[in-house]
Protein backbone atom coordinates (compact mmCIF):
# COMPACT_ATOMS: atom_id res chain seq x y z
CA GLN A 1 135.83 100.12 105.16
CA VAL A 2 135.26 102.70 107.88
CA VAL A 3 134.73 106.30 106.79
CA ALA A 4 136.76 108.77 108.80
CA PRO A 5 134.59 111.32 110.63
CA SER A 6 136.31 114.18 108.84
CA SER A 7 135.33 112.63 105.49
CA SER A 8 131.65 112.47 106.43
CA ARG A 9 131.80 116.05 107.71
CA ALA A 10 133.41 117.12 104.44
CA MET A 11 130.67 115.34 102.48
CA SER A 12 128.04 116.99 104.67
CA ALA A 13 129.64 120.41 104.17
CA ASP A 14 129.77 119.83 100.40
CA ALA A 15 126.10 118.78 100.37
CA ALA A 16 125.19 121.93 102.32
CA LEU A 17 127.17 124.07 99.88
CA ALA A 18 125.47 122.29 96.98
CA ARG A 19 122.06 123.01 98.54
CA ARG A 20 122.88 126.71 98.88
CA SER A 21 124.02 126.76 95.26
CA LEU A 22 120.82 125.03 94.18
CA ASP A 23 118.71 127.55 96.09
CA GLY A 24 120.47 130.39 94.29
CA LEU A 25 120.08 128.73 90.89
CA ARG A 26 116.37 128.11 91.50
CA SER A 27 115.95 131.77 92.44
CA THR A 28 117.77 132.83 89.28
CA LEU A 29 115.47 130.69 87.13
CA SER A 30 112.34 131.95 88.88
CA ALA A 31 113.39 135.59 88.51
CA ALA A 32 114.27 135.39 84.81
CA PRO A 33 112.89 138.49 83.10
CA ASP A 34 110.29 137.99 80.36
CA GLY A 35 112.04 137.49 77.07
CA ASP A 36 115.29 136.47 78.77
CA GLU A 37 114.23 133.01 79.95
CA VAL A 38 116.21 131.06 77.34
CA ALA A 39 119.44 132.95 78.05
CA VAL A 40 119.05 132.57 81.83
CA ALA A 41 118.22 128.86 81.58
CA THR A 42 121.12 128.26 79.20
CA ARG A 43 123.49 129.93 81.66
CA VAL A 44 122.10 128.09 84.72
CA LEU A 45 121.80 124.61 83.17
CA PRO A 46 125.49 123.55 83.38
CA GLN A 47 125.64 124.77 86.98
CA LEU A 48 122.57 122.69 87.86
CA GLN A 49 124.16 119.64 86.27
CA GLN A 50 127.26 120.13 88.42
CA VAL A 51 125.27 120.64 91.64
CA LEU A 52 122.86 117.69 91.27
CA PRO A 53 125.30 114.85 92.07
CA ARG A 54 126.51 116.68 95.20
CA LEU A 55 123.09 117.10 96.82
CA GLY A 56 122.83 115.20 100.08
CA SER A 57 119.19 114.19 100.35
CA ALA A 58 116.26 112.98 98.28
CA THR A 59 114.42 116.22 99.09
CA ASP A 60 117.30 118.32 97.75
CA SER A 61 117.62 116.06 94.70
CA THR A 62 113.90 116.50 94.00
CA TYR A 63 114.32 120.27 93.97
CA GLY A 64 117.37 119.84 91.74
CA TYR A 65 115.45 117.74 89.23
CA LEU A 66 112.56 120.21 89.30
CA ALA A 67 114.97 123.06 88.55
CA LEU A 68 116.54 121.04 85.72
CA ALA A 69 113.11 120.33 84.22
CA MET A 70 112.21 124.01 84.55
CA ALA A 71 115.44 125.08 82.84
CA TYR A 72 114.87 122.73 79.91
CA GLY A 73 111.27 123.90 79.70
CA MET A 74 112.40 127.53 79.60
CA MET A 75 114.78 126.58 76.80
CA GLU A 76 111.81 125.07 74.93
CA ARG A 77 113.36 121.60 75.17
CA PRO A 78 110.50 119.46 76.51
CA ASP A 79 112.27 116.39 75.14
CA ARG A 80 115.03 117.01 77.71
CA ALA A 81 112.72 118.23 80.49
CA CYS A 82 110.73 115.01 80.82
CA GLU A 83 113.41 112.78 82.38
CA PRO A 84 114.21 115.12 85.30
CA PHE A 85 110.46 115.73 85.65
CA ARG A 86 109.87 111.97 86.02
CA LEU A 87 112.73 111.64 88.51
CA ALA A 88 111.32 114.49 90.57
CA SER A 89 107.88 112.86 90.44
CA ARG A 90 109.28 109.65 91.91
CA LEU A 91 111.13 111.45 94.71
CA ALA A 92 108.65 114.20 95.61
CA THR A 93 107.27 114.02 99.14
CA THR A 94 106.41 117.59 100.16
CA SER A 95 103.34 119.59 99.22
CA ASP A 96 105.61 122.29 97.76
CA GLN A 97 107.27 119.74 95.48
CA ARG A 98 103.89 118.33 94.40
CA LEU A 99 102.61 121.83 93.66
CA THR A 100 105.67 122.56 91.52
CA LEU A 101 105.20 119.24 89.70
CA ASN A 102 101.57 120.13 88.98
CA ASP A 103 102.63 123.52 87.62
CA LEU A 104 105.25 121.93 85.38
CA ALA A 105 102.81 119.24 84.22
CA ARG A 106 100.60 122.00 82.79
CA VAL A 107 103.37 123.18 80.45
CA LEU A 108 105.28 119.98 79.72
CA THR A 109 103.89 117.21 77.56
CA CYS A 110 105.64 114.24 79.12
CA SER A 111 104.20 110.79 78.75
CA PRO A 112 104.24 108.64 81.91
């Protein structure tokens, strides 16, 4: 089946919108005030879960999984943080992603 050009443009536009949403959600998590981390992560988590399937590249998905692991970590749910952490580990290619993984590895106790 041939995909109509407008369909691929629409998918590309949706992936770009998803990436912008992810960037905003990552910023929100990173800027969570001390003592408010759990509330911020709880609010952001469902939005992250909606954005993840719409991301258009492995790089974007890696950042999405890192944000998901961070959110679960902030919620003190390491049991839920380990799967997205492992997925991000498999996909990570940039030095920024590897640095973030190393930072998360210091606070999460995920077995390989």
